[in-house]
Amino acid sequence: MKYVLLICDGMADYPLEKLQGKTPLQVARTPNLDRLAREGTTGLATTIPEGMAAGSDVASLSILGYDPCLYYRGRGPLEAVSLDIRPAPDEVIFRCNLVSVRDGLMEDYSAGHISSKEAKVLVDVLNKRLKVEGVTFYAGVSYRNVTTVKEKLLREGKGELRCVPPHAIIGQPIEPNLPTGQGSPLLRDLMERSREILGAEPINQVKIDLQENPANMIWLWGGGKLERPPSFQDRFGVEGIVIAAVDLIKGIGKLIGLRAVDVPGATGYYDTDYDAKAAYAIDALEKADFVVVHVEAADEAGHNADILQKITAIERFDAKIVAKVVEKLERWGEYRVLAMPDHYTPISLRNHTPDPVPFAICGKGIERDNVEVFDEFAAAQGGLNPVQGHRLMSILFAPEA
């Protein structure tokens, strides 16, 4: 039996007036997702436990069968695993965005989706000029980088450390959203000093001349310490492969013992190579019984409030990922496939929300329900409601009745 998990990050959304009261998923042409719903069963899954911040870190852990209330330790550690960073036991790991700030406002959480090559140049500059013993910057993919900080440097300040994700404050003043609590004096100092250093870099001067968003500040958030949970194989009895462009998802996969595969042309943005991802997923099915394919583009479109790009991303996911992978699965005859978003990224909010997300599961031993299409509202009528996100793997791998 082959098992596949297909995640279209941030695909779920709210009805929009510009779409005559429909969601981007409802408007998008998704015959292959609709087929999964029609031939299998559907439902809504709560991937963000109550009281936890809505994000791909929490949601993806949940979907892969790990209750975030028990296993989540912060976003930074998950991304560090993907980059093969080996933090010391006394180090806290933070996500470090390269961002664009203008007139005291968070203009762009991604610095114009800066290229990985440009980002590495700036990260190298930070390590040379923003020197603090016990602080190290690591280049990741595009704007998504990592910083490690010795715990002893985070003792100043009172109360629990609070760091706001930059994508949650687009267009808002940065001052009231800077870190607060224990450890915040150092983090704020690093962030403020980075503005002077990065603002003077030639790369950013060129971007300003071209009227592009410069990477003129770092934003530290998602801090935590690395702890390894039980392996996926120990829990579910299968080995697996994860295919994703973003370090977070690869890091989660590697943390639980899945093998992460790098795909040339996979960018984590609108221009990601869907065909290459599908090809690598099909190849992975020859080598493992469980494959995860994650596509980021719809989430980025939600953050950018770009309706057309979100619809396009969903349609490409359907035509280039779902269709091709399911076609391959059918050649084996015995398979199960689960397709879903990880969380909502509503166009109207440009941020994540904790709403239960639609999912469809189809294949051997899965009974059909009465749902005919795949979308946020149809899934509410599905045969598997309600479902806690961390129970989905148990459903996917459940023995046949």
Protein backbone atom coordinates (compact mmCIF):
# COMPACT_ATOMS: atom_id res chain seq x y z
CA MET A 1 0.00 0.00 0.00
CA LYS A 2 1.22 3.48 -0.88
CA TYR A 3 0.24 6.52 1.18
CA VAL A 4 0.49 10.17 0.09
CA LEU A 5 -0.18 13.43 1.93
CA LEU A 6 -0.67 16.47 -0.35
CA ILE A 7 -0.63 19.88 1.38
CA CYS A 8 -1.50 23.14 -0.37
CA ASP A 9 -0.33 25.63 2.25
CA GLY A 10 -2.86 28.32 3.13
CA MET A 11 -5.34 27.20 0.45
CA ALA A 12 -8.41 27.70 2.67
CA ASP A 13 -9.99 31.15 2.71
CA TYR A 14 -13.12 33.18 3.45
CA PRO A 15 -15.77 34.22 0.91
CA LEU A 16 -14.81 37.38 -0.96
CA GLU A 17 -17.06 40.08 -2.37
CA LYS A 18 -14.84 40.27 -5.47
CA LEU A 19 -15.59 36.58 -6.07
CA GLN A 20 -19.36 37.01 -5.64
CA GLY A 21 -19.30 35.58 -2.15
CA LYS A 22 -17.16 32.55 -2.98
CA THR A 23 -13.73 31.53 -1.73
CA PRO A 24 -10.71 31.24 -4.06
CA LEU A 25 -10.93 27.45 -3.63
CA GLN A 26 -14.56 27.47 -4.73
CA VAL A 27 -13.75 29.56 -7.80
CA ALA A 28 -10.63 27.64 -8.78
CA ARG A 29 -10.90 24.76 -11.28
CA THR A 30 -10.08 21.71 -9.16
CA PRO A 31 -11.41 18.57 -10.91
CA ASN A 32 -8.83 16.33 -9.26
CA LEU A 33 -9.45 17.52 -5.71
CA ASP A 34 -13.18 17.25 -6.44
CA ARG A 35 -12.64 13.67 -7.56
CA LEU A 36 -10.92 12.81 -4.27
CA ALA A 37 -13.89 14.27 -2.40
CA ARG A 38 -16.39 12.49 -4.62
CA GLU A 39 -14.71 9.08 -4.49
CA GLY A 40 -13.62 9.24 -0.86
CA THR A 41 -14.65 10.95 2.32
CA THR A 42 -14.21 14.48 3.56
CA GLY A 43 -14.31 16.55 6.69
CA LEU A 44 -12.93 19.49 8.64
CA ALA A 45 -9.79 19.10 10.74
CA THR A 46 -8.66 21.33 13.60
CA THR A 47 -4.94 21.68 12.99
CA ILE A 48 -4.41 24.61 15.38
CA PRO A 49 -5.19 23.71 19.00
CA GLU A 50 -7.05 26.34 21.01
CA GLY A 51 -4.71 28.98 22.39
CA MET A 52 -1.86 28.27 19.98
CA ALA A 53 -0.76 30.66 17.24
CA ALA A 54 -1.97 29.74 13.77
CA GLY A 55 0.99 28.84 11.58
CA SER A 56 2.42 26.15 9.34
CA ASP A 57 4.70 24.95 12.14
CA VAL A 58 1.87 24.05 14.51
CA ALA A 59 -0.47 22.92 11.73
CA SER A 60 2.05 20.68 9.96
CA LEU A 61 3.13 18.97 13.18
CA SER A 62 -0.54 18.33 13.85
CA ILE A 63 -1.26 16.94 10.38
CA LEU A 64 1.72 14.59 10.61
CA GLY A 65 0.32 13.06 13.76
CA TYR A 66 2.10 15.00 16.52
CA ASP A 67 -0.15 16.87 18.94
CA PRO A 68 1.41 20.38 19.07
CA CYS A 69 0.35 20.73 22.69
CA LEU A 70 2.83 17.95 23.46
CA TYR A 71 5.56 18.35 20.84
CA TYR A 72 5.76 21.97 19.65
CA ARG A 73 8.87 23.81 20.87
CA GLY A 74 8.98 26.80 18.51
CA ARG A 75 9.47 27.45 14.82
CA GLY A 76 13.19 28.18 14.93
CA PRO A 77 14.25 24.68 16.00
CA LEU A 78 12.21 23.10 13.20
CA GLU A 79 13.91 25.19 10.54
CA ALA A 80 17.33 24.61 12.07
CA VAL A 81 16.92 20.85 11.61
CA SER A 82 16.37 21.37 7.88
CA LEU A 83 19.57 23.40 7.63
CA ASP A 84 21.51 20.72 9.55
CA ILE A 85 22.33 23.23 12.27
CA ARG A 86 23.44 21.43 15.41
CA PRO A 87 22.66 23.79 18.28
CA ALA A 88 24.30 23.35 21.66
CA PRO A 89 22.03 22.37 24.55
CA ASP A 90 22.29 25.94 25.90
CA GLU A 91 21.22 27.65 22.65
CA VAL A 92 17.80 29.03 21.72
CA ILE A 93 16.99 29.01 17.99
CA PHE A 94 15.00 31.83 16.35
CA ARG A 95 13.55 32.30 12.91
CA CYS A 96 15.22 35.35 11.38
CA ASN A 97 13.28 37.05 8.59
CA LEU A 98 14.87 39.60 6.30
CA VAL A 99 12.15 42.25 6.13
CA SER A 100 11.43 45.65 4.61
CA VAL A 101 10.57 48.47 7.01
CA ARG A 102 9.53 51.93 5.82
CA ASP A 103 8.55 54.94 7.95
CA GLY A 104 8.31 52.71 11.00
CA LEU A 105 5.87 50.28 9.34
CA MET A 106 6.29 46.61 8.39
CA GLU A 107 6.11 46.98 4.63
CA ASP A 108 7.15 43.47 3.55
CA TYR A 109 7.80 40.39 5.70
CA SER A 110 9.88 38.85 2.88
CA ALA A 111 11.99 41.79 1.62
CA GLY A 112 10.49 41.41 -1.83
CA HIS A 113 11.01 37.65 -1.66
CA ILE A 114 14.72 38.23 -1.70
CA SER A 115 16.72 35.55 -3.51
CA SER A 116 18.63 32.99 -1.47
CA LYS A 117 21.87 34.18 -3.03
CA GLU A 118 21.27 37.80 -1.97
CA ALA A 119 20.09 36.68 1.46
CA LYS A 120 23.29 34.73 2.07
CA VAL A 121 25.36 37.82 1.28
CA LEU A 122 23.44 39.79 3.88
CA VAL A 123 23.59 37.02 6.47
CA ASP A 124 27.36 36.89 6.02
CA VAL A 125 27.45 40.66 6.60
CA LEU A 126 25.46 40.26 9.81
CA ASN A 127 27.91 37.67 11.13
CA LYS A 128 30.81 40.01 10.44
CA ARG A 129 29.36 43.33 11.58
CA LEU A 130 26.59 42.53 14.06
CA LYS A 131 28.92 40.67 16.34
CA VAL A 132 27.74 39.44 19.72
CA GLU A 133 29.53 36.51 21.31
CA GLY A 134 27.01 33.70 21.53
CA VAL A 135 24.89 34.88 18.56
CA THR A 136 25.18 33.29 15.10
CA PHE A 137 23.20 33.88 11.91
CA TYR A 138 22.55 31.11 9.38
CA ALA A 139 21.33 31.56 5.80
CA GLY A 140 18.27 29.60 4.78
CA VAL A 141 15.98 29.96 1.76
CA SER A 142 15.09 33.47 0.58
CA TYR A 143 13.94 35.62 3.51
CA ARG A 144 13.70 32.61 5.86
CA ASN A 145 16.88 32.45 7.94
CA VAL A 146 17.87 31.23 11.40
CA THR A 147 19.66 32.72 14.42
CA THR A 148 21.03 30.88 17.44
CA VAL A 149 21.46 32.66 20.79
CA LYS A 150 23.10 31.41 23.96
CA GLU A 151 20.51 31.09 26.72
CA LYS A 152 22.60 33.15 29.14
CA LEU A 153 22.15 36.18 26.85
CA LEU A 154 18.38 36.02 27.24
CA ARG A 155 18.08 36.58 30.98
CA GLU A 156 17.19 40.27 30.99
CA GLY A 157 13.59 41.37 30.95
CA LYS A 158 10.51 40.23 32.84
CA GLY A 159 7.67 37.96 31.88
CA GLU A 160 7.32 35.40 29.12
CA LEU A 161 9.14 36.24 25.88
CA ARG A 162 6.70 37.39 23.20
CA CYS A 163 7.79 37.67 19.57
CA VAL A 164 5.29 38.59 16.85
CA PRO A 165 5.64 37.01 13.37
CA PRO A 166 6.31 39.70 10.77
CA HIS A 167 3.65 38.40 8.39
CA ALA A 168 1.09 39.12 11.12
CA ILE A 169 1.79 42.87 11.15
CA ILE A 170 1.97 43.86 7.49
CA GLY A 171 1.33 47.60 7.23
CA GLN A 172 1.45 48.04 11.01
CA PRO A 173 3.94 49.97 13.16
CA ILE A 174 6.88 47.83 14.21
CA GLU A 175 7.53 49.56 17.55
CA PRO A 176 4.59 48.06 19.50
CA ASN A 177 5.31 44.67 17.93
CA LEU A 178 8.98 44.34 18.88
CA PRO A 179 9.85 41.49 21.29
CA THR A 180 8.83 41.86 24.92
CA GLY A 181 9.58 39.83 28.05
CA GLN A 182 12.62 37.89 29.17
CA GLY A 183 15.31 38.01 26.49
CA SER A 184 13.74 40.89 24.60
CA PRO A 185 16.46 43.50 25.33
CA LEU A 186 19.04 41.52 23.34
CA LEU A 187 16.64 40.67 20.50
CA ARG A 188 15.48 44.28 20.16
CA ASP A 189 19.09 45.47 20.16
CA LEU A 190 20.02 43.03 17.37
CA MET A 191 16.99 44.01 15.31
CA GLU A 192 17.55 47.75 15.71
CA ARG A 193 21.28 47.55 14.97
CA SER A 194 20.59 45.47 11.86
CA ARG A 195 18.73 48.41 10.30
CA GLU A 196 21.83 50.58 10.12
CA ILE A 197 24.02 47.74 8.86
CA LEU A 198 21.66 46.35 6.22
CA GLY A 199 20.38 49.72 5.08
CA ALA A 200 23.86 50.67 3.87
CA GLU A 201 24.52 47.46 1.93
CA PRO A 202 24.93 47.83 -1.88
CA ILE A 203 22.35 45.10 -2.55
CA ASN A 204 19.70 47.16 -0.81
CA GLN A 205 20.77 50.41 -2.46
CA VAL A 206 20.26 48.73 -5.83
CA LYS A 207 16.82 47.50 -4.75
CA ILE A 208 15.82 51.00 -3.72
CA ASP A 209 17.00 52.36 -7.08
CA LEU A 210 14.87 49.71 -8.80
CA GLN A 211 11.92 50.59 -6.55
CA GLU A 212 12.00 47.15 -4.95
CA ASN A 213 11.59 46.38 -1.26
CA PRO A 214 15.03 46.30 0.42
CA ALA A 215 16.07 43.84 3.12
CA ASN A 216 16.77 46.61 5.59
CA MET A 217 16.09 44.86 8.90
CA ILE A 218 16.04 41.45 10.57
CA TRP A 219 13.01 40.23 12.49
CA LEU A 220 13.53 37.59 15.18
CA TRP A 221 10.65 35.34 16.26
CA GLY A 222 9.61 31.72 16.79
CA GLY A 223 12.31 30.96 19.35
CA GLY A 224 12.72 27.60 21.04
CA LYS A 225 15.08 24.77 21.94
CA LEU A 226 15.49 21.59 19.95
CA GLU A 227 13.84 18.44 21.31
CA ARG A 228 13.32 15.29 19.25
CA PRO A 229 9.94 13.50 19.43
CA PRO A 230 9.33 9.79 18.72
CA SER A 231 10.03 8.90 15.09
CA PHE A 232 7.29 8.66 12.48
CA GLN A 233 8.28 5.06 11.74
CA ASP A 234 7.99 4.09 15.40
CA ARG A 235 4.55 5.66 15.60
CA PHE A 236 3.02 4.58 12.29
CA GLY A 237 5.20 1.76 11.04
CA VAL A 238 6.28 3.27 7.72
CA GLU A 239 9.29 5.14 6.37
CA GLY A 240 8.64 8.29 4.38
CA ILE A 241 9.93 11.10 2.21
CA VAL A 242 9.00 14.79 2.39
CA ILE A 243 9.13 17.07 -0.66
CA ALA A 244 8.99 20.78 0.14
CA ALA A 245 10.75 24.00 -0.76
CA VAL A 246 10.63 25.66 2.66
CA ASP A 247 12.99 24.76 5.48
CA LEU A 248 10.19 24.58 8.03
CA ILE A 249 8.46 21.63 6.38
CA LYS A 250 11.70 19.85 5.56
CA GLY A 251 12.80 20.44 9.13
CA ILE A 252 9.64 18.93 10.60
CA GLY A 253 10.05 15.94 8.30
CA LYS A 254 13.67 15.39 9.26
CA LEU A 255 12.88 15.90 12.95
CA ILE A 256 10.46 12.95 12.91
CA GLY A 257 12.68 10.77 10.74
CA LEU A 258 11.33 11.40 7.24
CA ARG A 259 13.87 11.92 4.47
CA ALA A 260 13.80 15.42 2.94
CA VAL A 261 14.39 15.64 -0.82
CA ASP A 262 15.58 18.85 -2.47
CA VAL A 263 13.84 19.62 -5.77
CA PRO A 264 15.58 21.88 -8.31
CA GLY A 265 13.28 24.79 -9.17
CA ALA A 266 11.21 24.50 -6.00
CA THR A 267 11.17 28.04 -4.61
CA GLY A 268 8.36 28.26 -2.07
CA TYR A 269 6.79 31.03 -4.15
CA TYR A 270 4.56 31.57 -7.19
CA ASP A 271 7.30 30.47 -9.59
CA THR A 272 7.92 27.10 -7.93
CA ASP A 273 8.34 24.21 -10.38
CA TYR A 274 5.18 22.16 -9.88
CA ASP A 275 6.14 19.67 -12.58
CA ALA A 276 9.48 18.98 -10.91
CA LYS A 277 7.79 18.48 -7.55
CA ALA A 278 5.37 15.98 -9.06
CA ALA A 279 8.20 14.14 -10.81
CA TYR A 280 10.21 13.88 -7.59
CA ALA A 281 7.11 12.73 -5.70
CA ILE A 282 6.49 9.99 -8.25
CA ASP A 283 10.12 8.92 -8.01
CA ALA A 284 9.84 8.94 -4.22
CA LEU A 285 6.90 6.55 -4.39
CA GLU A 286 9.26 3.96 -5.89
CA LYS A 287 11.45 4.22 -2.78
CA ALA A 288 9.07 4.74 0.15
CA ASP A 289 5.56 3.80 1.16
CA PHE A 290 4.70 7.29 2.44
CA VAL A 291 5.34 10.58 0.63
CA VAL A 292 4.49 14.14 1.70
CA VAL A 293 4.27 16.88 -0.94
CA HIS A 294 3.99 20.46 0.31
CA VAL A 295 3.36 23.52 -1.90
CA GLU A 296 3.71 27.02 -0.43
CA ALA A 297 2.45 29.34 -3.19
CA ALA A 298 -1.20 29.75 -2.11
CA ASP A 299 -0.08 30.82 1.37
CA GLU A 300 2.21 33.49 -0.07
CA ALA A 301 -0.66 34.76 -2.23
CA GLY A 302 -2.84 35.00 0.88
CA HIS A 303 -0.22 37.08 2.68
CA ASN A 304 0.11 39.30 -0.38
CA ALA A 305 -3.69 39.66 -0.74
CA ASP A 306 -3.37 38.51 -4.35
CA ILE A 307 -6.63 36.82 -5.35
CA LEU A 308 -5.56 35.89 -8.88
CA GLN A 309 -2.29 34.33 -7.73
CA LYS A 310 -4.07 32.35 -5.05
CA ILE A 311 -6.56 30.92 -7.50
CA THR A 312 -3.73 30.16 -9.92
CA ALA A 313 -1.70 28.42 -7.21
CA ILE A 314 -4.65 26.23 -6.25
CA GLU A 315 -5.32 25.30 -9.87
CA ARG A 316 -1.68 24.43 -10.48
CA PHE A 317 -1.61 22.33 -7.33
CA ASP A 318 -4.67 20.46 -8.59
CA ALA A 319 -3.51 19.96 -12.18
CA LYS A 320 0.21 19.46 -11.71
CA ILE A 321 0.48 17.78 -8.31
CA VAL A 322 -2.79 16.05 -7.41
CA ALA A 323 -3.55 14.77 -10.92
CA LYS A 324 -0.07 13.42 -11.64
CA VAL A 325 0.51 11.84 -8.23
CA VAL A 326 -2.91 10.15 -8.14
CA GLU A 327 -2.39 8.85 -11.69
CA LYS A 328 0.83 7.20 -10.50
CA LEU A 329 -0.85 5.81 -7.40
CA GLU A 330 -3.54 4.15 -9.48
CA ARG A 331 -0.92 2.03 -11.18
CA TRP A 332 -0.26 0.32 -7.85
CA GLY A 333 -3.93 -0.32 -7.28
CA GLU A 334 -3.63 -0.12 -3.51
CA TYR A 335 -3.18 3.38 -2.16
CA ARG A 336 -4.58 6.10 0.05
CA VAL A 337 -4.18 9.82 -0.53
CA LEU A 338 -5.00 12.69 1.82
CA ALA A 339 -5.24 16.23 0.39
CA MET A 340 -5.73 19.43 2.38
CA PRO A 341 -4.45 22.87 3.35
CA ASP A 342 -2.61 23.19 6.64
CA HIS A 343 -4.44 26.34 7.77
CA TYR A 344 -6.42 29.29 6.48
CA THR A 345 -4.60 32.30 5.02
CA PRO A 346 -7.50 34.62 4.20
CA ILE A 347 -6.95 37.26 1.53
CA SER A 348 -8.98 39.69 3.62
CA LEU A 349 -6.65 39.35 6.64
CA ARG A 350 -3.29 38.58 5.00
CA ASN A 351 -2.55 36.34 7.96
CA HIS A 352 -3.18 32.83 9.27
CA THR A 353 -6.30 31.88 11.21
CA PRO A 354 -7.10 28.77 13.29
CA ASP A 355 -10.33 27.78 11.47
CA PRO A 356 -10.78 24.02 10.90
CA VAL A 357 -9.57 23.15 7.39
CA PRO A 358 -11.16 20.95 4.72
CA PHE A 359 -9.61 17.62 3.83
CA ALA A 360 -10.39 14.70 1.52
CA ILE A 361 -9.10 11.16 1.87
CA CYS A 362 -9.54 8.59 -0.85
CA GLY A 363 -8.34 5.09 -1.68
CA LYS A 364 -8.45 1.47 -0.61
CA GLY A 365 -10.75 0.83 2.34
CA ILE A 366 -12.04 4.42 2.50
CA GLU A 367 -15.83 4.63 2.37
CA ARG A 368 -17.51 7.34 0.31
CA ASP A 369 -19.64 10.06 1.80
CA ASN A 370 -22.12 12.29 -0.03
CA VAL A 371 -19.80 15.23 -0.75
CA GLU A 372 -19.23 15.93 -4.44
CA VAL A 373 -16.71 18.79 -4.44
CA PHE A 374 -13.71 19.90 -2.42
CA ASP A 375 -14.06 23.23 -0.65
CA GLU A 376 -14.37 24.76 2.80
CA PHE A 377 -18.17 24.50 3.00
CA ALA A 378 -18.76 21.17 1.29
CA ALA A 379 -16.27 19.51 3.63
CA ALA A 380 -18.36 20.61 6.59
CA GLN A 381 -20.97 18.11 5.38
CA GLY A 382 -18.44 15.30 5.12
CA GLY A 383 -18.40 11.95 6.82
CA LEU A 384 -15.44 12.70 9.09
CA ASN A 385 -16.48 15.61 11.30
CA PRO A 386 -15.04 16.85 13.49
CA VAL A 387 -11.42 15.60 13.45
CA GLN A 388 -8.47 16.73 15.52
CA GLY A 389 -5.57 17.35 13.13
CA HIS A 390 -3.18 15.01 14.92
CA ARG A 391 -5.63 12.13 14.36
CA LEU A 392 -5.42 12.34 10.56
CA MET A 393 -2.43 10.01 10.24
CA SER A 394 -4.25 7.39 12.28
CA ILE A 395 -7.10 7.62 9.78
CA LEU A 396 -4.74 7.48 6.79
CA PHE A 397 -2.92 4.41 8.11
CA ALA A 398 -5.94 2.72 9.71
CA PRO A 399 -6.21 -1.00 8.91
CA GLU A 400 -9.08 -1.98 6.65
CA ALA A 401 -12.27 -2.98 8.36
